[in-house]
Protein backbone atom coordinates (compact mmCIF):
# COMPACT_ATOMS: atom_id res chain seq x y z
CA MET A 1 -2.59 35.00 5.70
CA GLY A 2 -4.22 31.65 6.45
CA LYS A 3 -6.39 31.37 9.51
CA THR A 4 -4.74 29.90 12.61
CA LEU A 5 -7.29 27.81 14.49
CA ASP A 6 -7.41 26.84 18.11
CA MET A 7 -6.45 23.17 18.54
CA ASP A 8 -9.75 22.29 20.22
CA ASP A 9 -11.74 23.97 17.43
CA THR A 10 -10.02 21.88 14.75
CA LEU A 11 -11.02 18.68 16.54
CA ALA A 12 -14.68 19.54 17.01
CA PRO A 13 -16.91 17.54 14.62
CA THR A 14 -18.95 19.67 12.26
CA ASP A 15 -21.25 19.33 9.28
CA ASP A 16 -21.38 23.10 8.69
CA MET A 17 -19.72 23.59 5.31
CA SER A 18 -19.08 27.28 5.92
CA GLU A 19 -17.10 26.27 9.01
CA VAL A 20 -15.30 23.60 6.97
CA GLU A 21 -14.25 26.18 4.39
CA ALA A 22 -13.05 28.49 7.18
CA ARG A 23 -10.90 25.69 8.61
CA LEU A 24 -9.41 25.03 5.18
CA THR A 25 -7.78 28.47 5.33
CA MET A 26 -5.32 27.15 7.94
CA ALA A 27 -1.78 28.20 7.10
CA LEU A 28 -0.04 25.50 5.07
CA ALA A 29 3.01 25.43 7.37
CA GLU A 30 0.78 24.91 10.40
CA ALA A 31 -1.02 22.02 8.71
CA MET A 32 2.30 20.41 7.78
CA LEU A 33 3.90 20.96 11.18
CA THR A 34 0.98 19.47 13.09
CA GLN A 35 -0.09 16.72 10.68
CA ARG A 36 0.35 13.21 12.02
CA GLU A 37 -1.11 9.75 11.54
CA VAL A 38 -4.34 9.82 13.55
CA ARG A 39 -5.52 6.24 13.88
CA ARG A 40 -7.79 6.47 16.91
CA VAL A 41 -11.05 8.02 15.76
CA THR A 42 -14.63 8.03 16.97
CA PRO A 43 -17.40 6.14 15.16
CA ASP A 44 -19.28 9.43 14.62
CA PRO A 45 -20.29 9.92 10.98
CA VAL A 46 -18.42 12.25 8.66
CA ASP A 47 -20.64 14.27 6.34
CA ASP A 48 -20.37 13.15 2.72
CA ARG A 49 -19.84 16.75 1.64
CA ILE A 50 -16.71 16.94 3.79
CA VAL A 51 -15.32 13.73 2.31
CA LEU A 52 -16.00 14.95 -1.22
CA ARG A 53 -14.36 18.29 -0.44
CA CYS A 54 -11.21 16.49 0.74
CA VAL A 55 -11.16 14.36 -2.42
CA GLU A 56 -11.78 17.47 -4.52
CA LEU A 57 -8.64 19.01 -3.03
CA ALA A 58 -6.78 15.75 -3.61
CA LEU A 59 -7.52 16.20 -7.32
CA GLU A 60 -5.46 19.39 -7.32
CA ALA A 61 -2.26 17.36 -6.93
CA PRO A 62 0.05 16.93 -9.94
CA THR A 63 0.12 13.66 -11.86
CA GLY A 64 2.50 12.23 -14.43
CA SER A 65 1.90 13.81 -17.85
CA ASN A 66 -1.22 15.36 -16.29
CA MET A 67 -3.01 12.06 -16.92
CA GLN A 68 -5.25 12.57 -13.87
CA ASN A 69 -5.62 8.82 -13.73
CA TRP A 70 -6.87 8.62 -10.17
CA GLU A 71 -9.97 6.86 -8.95
CA PHE A 72 -11.26 7.01 -5.37
CA VAL A 73 -13.54 4.44 -3.78
CA VAL A 74 -15.23 5.85 -0.68
CA VAL A 75 -16.13 2.96 1.61
CA LYS A 76 -18.84 3.44 4.24
CA ASN A 77 -20.67 0.11 4.05
CA ALA A 78 -20.06 -2.00 7.17
CA ALA A 79 -19.84 -5.28 5.26
CA VAL A 80 -17.23 -3.92 2.85
CA LYS A 81 -15.21 -2.44 5.72
CA ALA A 82 -15.35 -5.78 7.51
CA LYS A 83 -13.88 -7.55 4.48
CA LEU A 84 -11.05 -5.03 4.25
CA ALA A 85 -10.55 -5.38 8.02
CA GLY A 86 -10.05 -9.09 7.54
CA GLN A 87 -7.26 -8.41 5.07
CA TYR A 88 -5.75 -5.85 7.44
CA ARG A 89 -5.62 -8.43 10.23
CA LEU A 90 -4.05 -11.03 7.98
CA ALA A 91 -1.27 -8.58 7.10
CA TRP A 92 -0.87 -7.29 10.65
CA THR A 93 -0.51 -10.65 12.43
CA PRO A 94 3.05 -11.49 11.27
CA HIS A 95 4.05 -7.82 11.40
CA LYS A 96 2.86 -7.60 15.01
CA ALA A 97 5.05 -10.54 16.04
CA VAL A 98 8.15 -8.98 14.48
CA SER A 99 7.37 -5.54 15.91
CA ARG A 100 7.04 -6.96 19.42
CA ARG A 101 10.60 -8.28 19.22
CA VAL A 102 12.22 -5.16 17.77
CA THR A 103 10.35 -2.40 19.61
CA VAL A 104 12.78 -0.85 22.07
CA ASP A 105 11.53 2.66 22.87
CA GLU A 106 8.31 4.17 24.18
CA GLN A 107 7.59 6.14 21.00
CA ALA A 108 7.74 2.99 18.87
CA SER A 109 5.60 1.15 21.43
CA LYS A 110 3.05 3.96 21.34
CA ILE A 111 2.81 3.71 17.56
CA GLN A 112 2.39 -0.06 17.75
CA ARG A 113 -0.45 0.34 20.26
CA SER A 114 -2.10 2.88 17.97
CA VAL A 115 -1.88 0.58 14.96
CA LYS A 116 -3.21 -2.31 17.06
CA TRP A 117 -6.20 -0.17 18.03
CA GLN A 118 -6.86 0.66 14.39
CA VAL A 119 -6.64 -2.98 13.36
CA GLU A 120 -9.07 -4.03 16.09
CA HIS A 121 -11.57 -1.22 15.41
CA PHE A 122 -11.25 -0.95 11.64
CA GLU A 123 -14.93 -1.65 10.95
CA LYS A 124 -15.88 1.28 13.21
CA ILE A 125 -13.88 3.88 11.29
CA PRO A 126 -16.51 6.05 9.55
CA VAL A 127 -14.89 6.45 6.14
CA LEU A 128 -12.20 4.65 4.16
CA VAL A 129 -10.99 6.28 0.97
CA VAL A 130 -9.27 3.75 -1.28
CA CYS A 131 -6.96 5.66 -3.62
CA CYS A 132 -6.53 3.90 -6.96
CA LEU A 133 -4.84 4.37 -10.32
CA ARG A 134 -6.19 3.52 -13.74
CA GLY A 135 -3.92 1.45 -15.96
CA GLY A 136 -2.42 -0.41 -13.03
CA TYR A 137 -2.81 -3.93 -14.33
CA ARG A 138 0.21 -5.74 -15.75
CA VAL A 139 1.13 -9.35 -16.42
CA PRO A 140 2.67 -10.53 -13.10
CA LEU A 141 5.46 -12.50 -14.81
CA LEU A 142 6.77 -9.44 -16.63
CA PRO A 143 9.05 -7.38 -14.36
CA ARG A 144 8.68 -3.63 -14.21
CA PRO A 145 11.85 -1.53 -13.79
CA PRO A 146 12.01 0.16 -10.36
CA ILE A 147 11.90 3.64 -11.90
CA ALA A 148 8.72 2.73 -13.76
CA THR A 149 7.14 1.62 -10.48
CA SER A 150 8.26 4.83 -8.80
CA SER A 151 6.86 6.95 -11.65
CA HIS A 152 3.60 5.03 -11.61
CA TYR A 153 2.88 5.57 -7.91
CA GLY A 154 4.08 9.15 -8.15
CA SER A 155 0.68 9.90 -9.63
CA ILE A 156 -1.30 8.81 -6.56
CA TYR A 157 0.69 9.68 -3.44
CA PRO A 158 0.74 13.47 -3.97
CA SER A 159 -3.07 13.36 -4.14
CA ALA A 160 -3.21 11.20 -1.00
CA GLN A 161 -1.06 13.78 0.81
CA ASN A 162 -3.38 16.57 -0.37
CA LEU A 163 -6.29 14.59 1.03
CA LEU A 164 -4.52 14.14 4.37
CA LEU A 165 -3.61 17.84 4.61
CA ALA A 166 -7.21 18.80 3.85
CA ALA A 167 -8.41 16.42 6.54
CA ARG A 168 -5.92 17.83 9.04
CA SER A 169 -7.03 21.42 8.32
CA ILE A 170 -10.68 20.50 8.80
CA GLY A 171 -9.87 18.66 12.02
CA LEU A 172 -10.46 15.14 10.74
CA GLY A 173 -8.16 12.37 11.81
CA GLY A 174 -6.46 10.76 8.84
CA ALA A 175 -4.05 7.87 8.37
CA LEU A 176 -2.58 6.40 5.19
CA ILE A 177 -2.33 2.60 5.28
CA THR A 178 -1.66 -0.18 2.79
CA MET A 179 -2.07 -3.42 4.77
CA PRO A 180 -5.81 -3.79 3.96
CA LEU A 181 -4.69 -4.14 0.33
CA LEU A 182 -2.53 -7.15 1.22
CA SER A 183 -3.79 -8.92 -1.92
CA HIS A 184 -4.73 -6.84 -4.93
CA THR A 185 -6.77 -9.76 -6.20
CA VAL A 186 -8.84 -9.89 -3.02
CA ALA A 187 -9.07 -6.09 -2.79
CA ARG A 188 -10.35 -5.92 -6.37
CA ARG A 189 -12.96 -8.53 -5.56
CA ILE A 190 -14.07 -6.72 -2.39
CA LEU A 191 -14.30 -3.34 -4.14
CA GLN A 192 -15.49 -4.75 -7.49
CA LEU A 193 -12.57 -3.11 -9.29
CA PRO A 194 -11.85 -3.95 -12.92
CA LEU A 195 -8.37 -5.21 -13.81
CA ASN A 196 -7.25 -1.82 -15.11
CA ILE A 197 -7.90 -0.16 -11.73
CA GLU A 198 -5.15 -0.70 -9.16
CA PRO A 199 -5.83 -0.09 -5.44
CA CYS A 200 -2.78 1.71 -4.04
CA CYS A 201 -3.50 2.86 -0.50
CA VAL A 202 -6.29 3.51 1.98
CA VAL A 203 -6.86 6.81 3.78
CA ALA A 204 -8.90 6.19 6.93
CA LEU A 205 -10.92 9.23 8.06
CA GLY A 206 -12.82 10.03 11.25
CA TRP A 207 -13.12 12.58 14.00
CA PRO A 208 -10.07 12.14 16.25
CA LYS A 209 -10.09 10.91 19.82
CA GLY A 210 -6.79 12.69 20.42
CA ARG A 211 -5.09 15.86 19.29
CA TYR A 212 -2.96 17.03 16.44
CA GLY A 213 0.34 18.59 17.41
CA ARG A 214 4.06 18.89 16.78
CA LYS A 215 6.06 15.70 16.25
CA ALA A 216 9.59 14.63 17.05
CA ARG A 217 11.63 14.89 13.86
CA LYS A 218 15.32 14.58 13.03
CA PRO A 219 17.27 17.78 12.35
CA VAL A 220 17.16 18.57 8.64
CA GLY A 221 20.94 18.62 8.37
CA SER A 222 21.16 15.01 9.53
CA VAL A 223 19.25 13.70 6.51
CA VAL A 224 20.35 16.09 3.74
CA HIS A 225 23.40 15.35 1.59
CA LEU A 226 24.99 17.79 -0.85
CA ASP A 227 25.96 16.52 -4.31
CA ALA A 228 26.87 13.03 -3.05
CA TYR A 229 25.73 10.79 -0.23
CA GLY A 230 27.77 11.29 2.92
CA HIS A 231 28.61 14.95 2.25
CA GLN A 232 26.53 16.70 4.91
CA PRO A 233 27.74 20.30 5.33
CA TRP A 234 24.57 21.27 7.20
CA ARG A 235 24.81 18.51 9.79
CA ALA A 236 25.20 19.78 13.35
CA ASP A 237 27.96 18.39 15.54
CA ALA A 238 26.24 16.26 18.19
CA SER A 239 28.53 17.46 20.97
CA THR A 240 28.35 21.20 20.32
CA GLY A 241 25.16 21.68 18.31
CA GLU A 242 27.18 23.73 15.81
CA ARG A 243 26.84 23.30 12.06
CA GLU A 244 29.69 21.50 10.37
CA ILE A 245 31.40 23.53 7.65
CA SER A 246 33.20 21.77 4.83
């Protein structure tokens, strides 16, 4: 059975690798149930060995045809982070204006405040892991079928999720973002990536200012359809809480 850790213990910074390995025995269900986007982190450094351990576990994810065509750029340099922060702010500015108009509930407002904090403090986040794929370059004028795009990115996002689950188990705050990669051309220039390496997403890592914990989620029956969209035999009746039978 995986080790269940006290919430405060998981959030305590550490550079003791034996402690890190002990935290990685957290039960998978607990890690999944309490994982969330943690954007507010301290500027305290994260040991390189911890970052490499998280990436090592990311490499255990499946990839299409077992190509293992990932590449990871670990960004710690302040000047490089500042350049990516500039791109993040460019992408966030119009998004912020739209979000301000459509945000109607406290939970959405809380998320917007959290993202705003991350945008404003991006240079202070200790580690950015840019997850990339080899073979990502294509001639822009040639369209790619949607299924090809889906298959392509299916080789990077499972590894990003592994990385995030590893970070959660260790007690690191982690958040997957894409806005700093607003322009692949600019991102390639900032990170000195060749044309055959495509930046896909950024995982920001740091020791959290807050806590991990359970999240509000929709009932499973409300989002699952059987055989065809709209057939939801497991959906609960809102008035009685009873499962619909069809």
